[in-house]
Amino acid sequence: MARYRTMMALLLTVGIVFQLSESRVTCRNDKGNEVDWYILYKLPLGSSNGLSYLYMDESTNGWKLSRNTIGSSSGTLGNTMKPLLDYYVRKTEGFGYILYNDQPGNNRTVSSSYGHSKGVVMLDKDTGVWLSHSTPKFPKYQSQSFWPKSGNVNGQTFLCVTYSYGTFEQIGLQLMYIHPYAYDYDIPKTFHMELQYVARMTDYPTKDPFSRVEHLMSLGGKRFVSFAKHTRFHDDLYSGLIVKFMLESLYVKGWGNKGRSIQLPSNCSTRIPHHVYNVKMVKLLKKVYNDTEDHSKWCVAPNIGWICIADLNRHESQTNRGGGAICFKNVAVAKAFKTTIKDYERCVTPHSDL
């Protein structure tokens, strides 16, 4: 009998540990396993109806094609978003989230005074994730079917990083500078005030400096650098902020469909210490896409192994929009992005570090 009770107690303990592990707010891969960070690159239309995606984390040593589709409940995004989807059903105690997007869907038009930024913040009092991405209307408003069909057409990028609860005070400050449009949120009153300000969209910088650089440590001890600029920064994110930190030339992938806006040319000005080149074409899985098919936003400094996943394009109008980038140093990741570059815009005076 005692042996039976011991066995039952062991099974109960294992069950509780498993349940806690399943419910932790962390980035998760296709298998549902916790990872410190990952990057997704959703391929443009023409690759499995625009639902295929490349995956990369610390263990992959480059891109891996997922067997799942981007909107699958068992894929990387589905596994990562599970705490939020569960919250919609169960109203989990001690859980908070902010969904922000300058193109939130449901026919809502967002003022340009808000950041040109898209992302998901989810957390409890232990851990949380900051998922930065480039996809309009993602995730769909309070829906278990989180992927918008409109997202199938163009290429998109996602960066998920797992942080401890305490780090979200600094993340909240960064988001206050970006001033994103929060279209859905629920932040408990006991959580960081900075996140509550972001959710309510009530606080943002009113005096210089109108940019902020913050070093963030992931739960696994990886150093990330967050760049944030407010609309009053009045300069390009890449040539006006990031390149001055990197002190190395950048290759920037942005959106080629400019609408009424003018695209900034590649910048080889002597007023900045290094150059900023516009990536015009990328090659993904042996197929070439131009910048009007690929809505992703990223930059790479291949000579020093830095990579950034960003919010903004190099458009003249977006010098007056809030936004940012999350960057980190990883030679393998930087190489994976560098090798996707098929063509870039040269300056009038030829100069290349690629």
Protein backbone atom coordinates (compact mmCIF):
# COMPACT_ATOMS: atom_id res chain seq x y z
CA MET A 1 0.00 0.00 0.00
CA ALA A 2 2.83 2.38 0.91
CA ARG A 3 4.50 1.56 -2.39
CA TYR A 4 1.28 2.36 -4.22
CA ARG A 5 0.96 5.73 -2.46
CA THR A 6 4.59 6.54 -3.28
CA MET A 7 4.03 5.73 -6.94
CA MET A 8 0.84 7.83 -7.08
CA ALA A 9 2.61 10.76 -5.42
CA LEU A 10 5.43 10.51 -7.96
CA LEU A 11 3.02 10.45 -10.88
CA LEU A 12 1.14 13.44 -9.45
CA THR A 13 4.38 15.37 -9.05
CA VAL A 14 5.46 14.58 -12.61
CA GLY A 15 2.02 15.63 -13.85
CA ILE A 16 2.20 18.96 -12.03
CA VAL A 17 5.72 19.68 -13.32
CA PHE A 18 4.64 18.80 -16.87
CA GLN A 19 1.55 21.02 -16.58
CA LEU A 20 3.61 23.94 -15.28
CA SER A 21 6.12 23.48 -18.11
CA GLU A 22 3.30 23.42 -20.66
CA SER A 23 1.80 26.63 -19.28
CA ARG A 24 5.02 28.67 -18.98
CA VAL A 25 5.02 31.81 -21.10
CA THR A 26 8.05 31.21 -23.33
CA CYS A 27 9.01 31.09 -26.98
CA ARG A 28 8.34 27.57 -28.29
CA ASN A 29 9.43 25.70 -31.40
CA ASP A 30 7.47 23.40 -33.73
CA LYS A 31 7.67 20.58 -31.19
CA GLY A 32 6.27 22.79 -28.43
CA ASN A 33 9.61 22.82 -26.62
CA GLU A 34 10.79 25.96 -24.84
CA VAL A 35 13.52 27.94 -26.62
CA ASP A 36 15.33 31.10 -25.55
CA TRP A 37 14.75 32.80 -28.91
CA TYR A 38 13.85 32.07 -32.51
CA ILE A 39 13.49 33.80 -35.87
CA LEU A 40 10.85 32.91 -38.47
CA TYR A 41 10.96 33.97 -42.11
CA LYS A 42 7.58 33.40 -43.76
CA LEU A 43 8.03 32.89 -47.48
CA PRO A 44 6.07 34.98 -50.00
CA LEU A 45 3.13 33.61 -51.98
CA GLY A 46 4.21 30.90 -54.39
CA SER A 47 5.69 28.74 -51.62
CA SER A 48 2.91 26.45 -50.34
CA ASN A 49 0.24 29.16 -50.78
CA GLY A 50 2.36 31.62 -48.84
CA LEU A 51 2.16 29.58 -45.62
CA SER A 52 5.64 28.05 -45.52
CA TYR A 53 8.27 29.40 -43.16
CA LEU A 54 11.93 29.05 -42.34
CA TYR A 55 12.92 28.59 -38.70
CA MET A 56 16.12 29.33 -36.84
CA ASP A 57 17.24 29.26 -33.21
CA GLU A 58 20.48 28.75 -31.28
CA SER A 59 20.57 25.04 -32.12
CA THR A 60 19.81 25.02 -35.87
CA ASN A 61 22.99 26.68 -37.19
CA GLY A 62 21.02 28.31 -39.99
CA TRP A 63 17.59 28.11 -41.62
CA LYS A 64 15.40 25.02 -41.36
CA LEU A 65 12.22 24.67 -43.41
CA SER A 66 9.29 23.90 -41.12
CA ARG A 67 6.90 21.07 -41.91
CA ASN A 68 4.06 23.15 -40.46
CA THR A 69 2.19 26.07 -41.96
CA ILE A 70 2.51 29.50 -40.38
CA GLY A 71 -1.07 29.50 -39.02
CA SER A 72 -1.06 25.94 -37.68
CA SER A 73 -1.96 25.49 -34.02
CA SER A 74 0.90 22.98 -33.80
CA GLY A 75 3.47 25.23 -35.48
CA THR A 76 5.95 27.59 -33.87
CA LEU A 77 3.56 30.55 -33.66
CA GLY A 78 0.66 28.38 -32.49
CA ASN A 79 2.75 26.84 -29.72
CA THR A 80 4.11 30.23 -28.64
CA MET A 81 0.69 31.91 -28.68
CA LYS A 82 -0.98 29.14 -26.67
CA PRO A 83 -0.99 31.03 -23.31
CA LEU A 84 -2.88 33.90 -24.98
CA LEU A 85 -5.33 31.58 -26.74
CA ASP A 86 -5.91 29.75 -23.44
CA TYR A 87 -6.48 33.08 -21.70
CA TYR A 88 -9.26 33.97 -24.13
CA VAL A 89 -11.09 30.84 -22.93
CA ARG A 90 -10.09 30.51 -19.25
CA LYS A 91 -9.07 34.07 -18.19
CA THR A 92 -5.92 32.67 -16.60
CA GLU A 93 -5.08 34.47 -13.37
CA GLY A 94 -1.78 36.35 -13.27
CA PHE A 95 -1.40 36.56 -17.05
CA GLY A 96 -1.03 39.77 -19.06
CA TYR A 97 -0.65 40.68 -22.73
CA ILE A 98 -0.44 43.54 -25.22
CA LEU A 99 -1.10 43.13 -28.95
CA TYR A 100 0.04 46.10 -31.01
CA ASN A 101 -0.13 46.73 -34.74
CA ASP A 102 -0.37 49.88 -36.85
CA GLN A 103 -2.55 47.82 -39.22
CA PRO A 104 -4.79 45.93 -36.77
CA GLY A 105 -7.53 44.87 -39.16
CA ASN A 106 -11.30 45.13 -38.64
CA ASN A 107 -11.27 48.21 -40.89
CA ARG A 108 -9.52 50.27 -38.21
CA THR A 109 -7.32 53.13 -39.40
CA VAL A 110 -4.42 54.08 -37.14
CA SER A 111 -2.99 57.60 -36.93
CA SER A 112 0.61 58.06 -38.08
CA SER A 113 1.35 59.50 -34.64
CA TYR A 114 1.55 55.88 -33.45
CA GLY A 115 4.59 53.75 -34.16
CA HIS A 116 4.96 51.83 -37.41
CA SER A 117 5.32 48.70 -35.31
CA LYS A 118 3.83 45.27 -34.81
CA GLY A 119 4.25 42.84 -31.96
CA VAL A 120 3.01 40.69 -29.09
CA VAL A 121 3.91 40.94 -25.42
CA MET A 122 2.76 38.06 -23.15
CA LEU A 123 3.88 37.42 -19.59
CA ASP A 124 3.17 36.22 -16.10
CA LYS A 125 5.09 37.04 -12.89
CA ASP A 126 7.80 34.53 -13.86
CA THR A 127 8.55 34.72 -17.58
CA GLY A 128 7.29 36.31 -20.77
CA VAL A 129 7.91 36.78 -24.47
CA TRP A 130 8.36 39.76 -26.74
CA LEU A 131 7.42 38.70 -30.28
CA SER A 132 8.30 41.41 -32.79
CA HIS A 133 7.07 40.95 -36.38
CA SER A 134 6.11 42.65 -39.65
CA THR A 135 2.66 41.18 -40.42
CA PRO A 136 -0.43 43.42 -40.71
CA LYS A 137 -3.56 42.16 -38.88
CA PHE A 138 -1.58 39.58 -36.88
CA PRO A 139 -2.73 38.19 -34.58
CA LYS A 140 -6.44 38.37 -35.38
CA TYR A 141 -8.49 40.01 -32.64
CA GLN A 142 -9.38 37.52 -29.88
CA SER A 143 -9.58 34.57 -32.27
CA GLN A 144 -8.30 31.02 -31.91
CA SER A 145 -7.59 31.24 -35.64
CA PHE A 146 -4.81 33.80 -35.15
CA TRP A 147 -3.33 33.96 -38.66
CA PRO A 148 -4.93 36.48 -41.10
CA LYS A 149 -5.39 35.24 -44.68
CA SER A 150 -4.08 38.60 -45.89
CA GLY A 151 -0.73 37.59 -44.40
CA ASN A 152 -0.28 34.83 -46.98
CA VAL A 153 0.82 37.12 -49.80
CA ASN A 154 4.12 38.67 -48.74
CA GLY A 155 7.28 37.57 -46.96
CA GLN A 156 7.36 38.41 -43.23
CA THR A 157 9.81 38.10 -40.34
CA PHE A 158 9.30 37.29 -36.64
CA LEU A 159 11.67 37.43 -33.68
CA CYS A 160 10.61 35.86 -30.39
CA VAL A 161 12.72 36.21 -27.24
CA THR A 162 11.96 34.80 -23.79
CA TYR A 163 12.68 37.16 -20.87
CA SER A 164 12.28 37.11 -17.11
CA TYR A 165 9.39 39.12 -15.69
CA GLY A 166 11.70 41.85 -14.39
CA THR A 167 13.04 42.64 -17.88
CA PHE A 168 9.61 43.80 -19.01
CA GLU A 169 10.07 47.05 -17.12
CA GLN A 170 12.81 47.97 -19.63
CA ILE A 171 10.78 46.54 -22.52
CA GLY A 172 7.87 48.74 -21.45
CA LEU A 173 10.14 51.80 -21.56
CA GLN A 174 11.29 50.90 -25.07
CA LEU A 175 7.69 50.52 -26.22
CA MET A 176 6.79 53.88 -24.69
CA TYR A 177 9.31 55.47 -27.09
CA ILE A 178 7.91 53.53 -30.06
CA HIS A 179 4.36 54.44 -28.94
CA PRO A 180 2.63 51.49 -30.67
CA TYR A 181 -1.09 51.18 -31.27
CA ALA A 182 -2.34 48.61 -28.73
CA TYR A 183 -5.51 47.12 -30.21
CA ASP A 184 -6.00 44.45 -27.55
CA TYR A 185 -4.55 44.12 -24.06
CA ASP A 186 -5.06 43.07 -20.48
CA ILE A 187 -2.31 44.03 -18.04
CA PRO A 188 -2.97 43.27 -14.35
CA LYS A 189 -2.66 46.29 -12.06
CA THR A 190 0.17 44.58 -10.15
CA PHE A 191 2.34 44.37 -13.30
CA HIS A 192 4.92 46.98 -14.34
CA MET A 193 3.45 50.47 -14.73
CA GLU A 194 5.42 50.91 -17.97
CA LEU A 195 3.39 48.11 -19.57
CA GLN A 196 0.17 49.68 -18.35
CA TYR A 197 1.20 52.99 -19.95
CA VAL A 198 1.94 51.21 -23.24
CA ALA A 199 -1.39 49.39 -23.16
CA ARG A 200 -3.32 52.60 -22.49
CA MET A 201 -1.18 54.54 -25.00
CA THR A 202 -1.04 57.44 -22.55
CA ASP A 203 2.69 58.05 -22.04
CA TYR A 204 5.53 58.75 -24.48
CA PRO A 205 8.62 61.01 -24.51
CA THR A 206 7.93 64.72 -24.67
CA LYS A 207 11.52 66.03 -24.66
CA ASP A 208 14.94 65.02 -25.96
CA PRO A 209 16.28 62.45 -26.40
CA PHE A 210 13.61 60.97 -28.65
CA SER A 211 15.47 57.68 -29.08
CA ARG A 212 16.55 55.04 -26.60
CA VAL A 213 18.97 52.12 -26.73
CA GLU A 214 18.51 49.39 -24.11
CA HIS A 215 20.50 46.22 -23.45
CA LEU A 216 18.20 43.30 -22.64
CA MET A 217 19.21 39.91 -21.28
CA SER A 218 17.14 36.89 -22.35
CA LEU A 219 16.11 34.24 -19.87
CA GLY A 220 18.91 32.05 -21.23
CA GLY A 221 21.54 34.77 -20.78
CA LYS A 222 21.75 36.01 -24.40
CA ARG A 223 22.37 39.75 -24.86
CA PHE A 224 19.97 41.64 -27.11
CA VAL A 225 19.97 45.35 -27.91
CA SER A 226 16.68 47.19 -28.41
CA PHE A 227 16.66 50.37 -30.51
CA ALA A 228 13.57 52.57 -30.19
CA LYS A 229 12.75 55.92 -31.72
CA HIS A 230 9.78 58.23 -31.26
CA THR A 231 8.09 60.11 -34.08
CA ARG A 232 9.92 63.28 -32.97
CA PHE A 233 13.29 61.67 -33.66
CA HIS A 234 12.84 62.85 -37.26
CA ASP A 235 15.47 60.57 -38.79
CA ASP A 236 15.92 57.15 -40.35
CA LEU A 237 16.17 54.29 -37.84
CA TYR A 238 19.10 52.69 -39.66
CA SER A 239 21.34 55.58 -40.78
CA GLY A 240 20.26 57.84 -37.92
CA LEU A 241 20.59 55.41 -35.02
CA ILE A 242 21.60 51.77 -35.56
CA VAL A 243 24.66 52.28 -37.81
CA LYS A 244 26.09 54.77 -35.29
CA PHE A 245 25.95 52.04 -32.64
CA MET A 246 27.26 49.25 -34.86
CA LEU A 247 30.10 51.28 -36.42
CA GLU A 248 29.85 48.96 -39.41
CA SER A 249 28.00 49.01 -42.74
CA LEU A 250 24.42 47.75 -42.75
CA TYR A 251 22.38 45.97 -45.41
CA VAL A 252 18.72 46.81 -44.82
CA LYS A 253 15.76 44.79 -46.09
CA GLY A 254 12.51 46.78 -46.16
CA TRP A 255 9.24 47.00 -48.08
CA GLY A 256 9.54 48.12 -51.69
CA ASN A 257 5.93 49.24 -52.16
CA LYS A 258 6.22 52.86 -51.12
CA GLY A 259 2.75 54.20 -51.95
CA ARG A 260 3.02 57.98 -51.86
CA SER A 261 6.21 57.88 -49.82
CA ILE A 262 9.71 58.33 -51.25
CA GLN A 263 12.21 55.57 -50.54
CA LEU A 264 15.47 56.77 -49.03
CA PRO A 265 18.44 55.86 -51.23
CA SER A 266 21.36 53.80 -49.99
CA ASN A 267 23.35 56.10 -47.73
CA CYS A 268 27.07 56.48 -48.34
CA SER A 269 27.28 59.98 -46.87
CA THR A 270 30.48 60.99 -45.13
CA ARG A 271 28.27 62.34 -42.31
CA ILE A 272 27.73 58.80 -41.00
CA PRO A 273 30.68 56.59 -40.05
CA HIS A 274 29.57 53.66 -42.22
CA HIS A 275 27.19 52.98 -45.09
CA VAL A 276 23.57 51.82 -45.24
CA TYR A 277 22.55 49.79 -48.30
CA ASN A 278 19.01 48.94 -49.42
CA VAL A 279 18.50 45.23 -50.13
CA LYS A 280 16.43 44.95 -53.32
CA MET A 281 16.18 41.18 -53.85
CA VAL A 282 16.45 38.12 -51.61
CA LYS A 283 16.90 34.45 -52.42
CA LEU A 284 14.97 32.02 -50.23
CA LEU A 285 15.00 28.27 -50.95
CA LYS A 286 16.51 28.88 -54.42
CA LYS A 287 13.71 31.29 -55.38
CA VAL A 288 14.35 35.01 -55.84
CA TYR A 289 11.93 37.64 -54.51
CA ASN A 290 12.08 41.38 -54.96
CA ASP A 291 11.32 43.90 -52.22
CA THR A 292 7.73 44.37 -53.41
CA GLU A 293 7.00 40.72 -52.62
CA ASP A 294 8.83 40.57 -49.30
CA HIS A 295 7.38 42.70 -46.49
CA SER A 296 10.03 41.59 -43.97
CA LYS A 297 12.14 44.19 -42.18
CA TRP A 298 15.65 43.37 -41.04
CA CYS A 299 19.23 44.49 -41.32
CA VAL A 300 22.56 42.73 -41.06
CA ALA A 301 26.11 43.89 -40.39
CA PRO A 302 27.88 40.81 -41.83
CA ASN A 303 31.42 41.96 -41.09
CA ILE A 304 30.80 41.92 -37.33
CA GLY A 305 28.04 39.28 -37.14
CA TRP A 306 25.13 41.47 -35.98
CA ILE A 307 21.50 40.93 -37.09
CA CYS A 308 18.41 43.03 -36.35
CA ILE A 309 14.71 42.32 -36.81
CA ALA A 310 12.97 45.66 -37.22
CA ASP A 311 9.69 47.56 -37.56
CA LEU A 312 10.48 50.29 -40.07
CA ASN A 313 11.21 50.68 -43.76
CA ARG A 314 13.67 53.18 -45.20
CA HIS A 315 10.89 55.45 -46.45
CA GLU A 316 11.03 59.22 -46.13
CA SER A 317 7.66 59.26 -44.36
CA GLN A 318 8.89 56.79 -41.76
CA THR A 319 11.62 59.11 -40.56
CA ASN A 320 8.65 60.71 -38.79
CA ARG A 321 7.20 57.48 -37.39
CA GLY A 322 8.02 55.67 -34.17
CA GLY A 323 9.56 52.23 -34.45
CA GLY A 324 12.52 50.13 -33.55
CA ALA A 325 14.67 47.06 -33.95
CA ILE A 326 15.91 44.23 -31.75
CA CYS A 327 19.49 43.23 -32.51
CA PHE A 328 21.98 40.63 -31.37
CA LYS A 329 25.36 39.27 -32.31
CA ASN A 330 25.47 35.77 -33.74
CA VAL A 331 27.81 34.92 -36.60
CA ALA A 332 25.76 31.94 -37.83
CA VAL A 333 22.52 33.96 -37.88
CA ALA A 334 24.17 36.93 -39.58
CA LYS A 335 25.63 34.58 -42.21
CA ALA A 336 22.19 33.02 -42.81
CA PHE A 337 20.72 36.46 -43.51
CA LYS A 338 23.73 37.62 -45.54
CA THR A 339 23.41 34.64 -47.89
CA THR A 340 19.78 35.56 -48.67
CA ILE A 341 20.87 38.88 -50.21
CA LYS A 342 20.65 38.54 -53.98
CA ASP A 343 20.97 42.20 -54.90
CA TYR A 344 21.27 45.57 -53.18
CA GLU A 345 21.28 49.22 -54.21
CA ARG A 346 24.78 50.57 -54.76
CA CYS A 347 25.68 54.16 -54.04
CA VAL A 348 26.67 56.63 -56.76
CA THR A 349 30.27 56.10 -55.69
CA PRO A 350 30.76 52.30 -55.76
CA HIS A 351 31.60 50.90 -52.35
CA SER A 352 30.74 47.51 -50.94
CA ASP A 353 31.62 45.63 -47.79
CA LEU A 354 29.53 42.54 -48.65
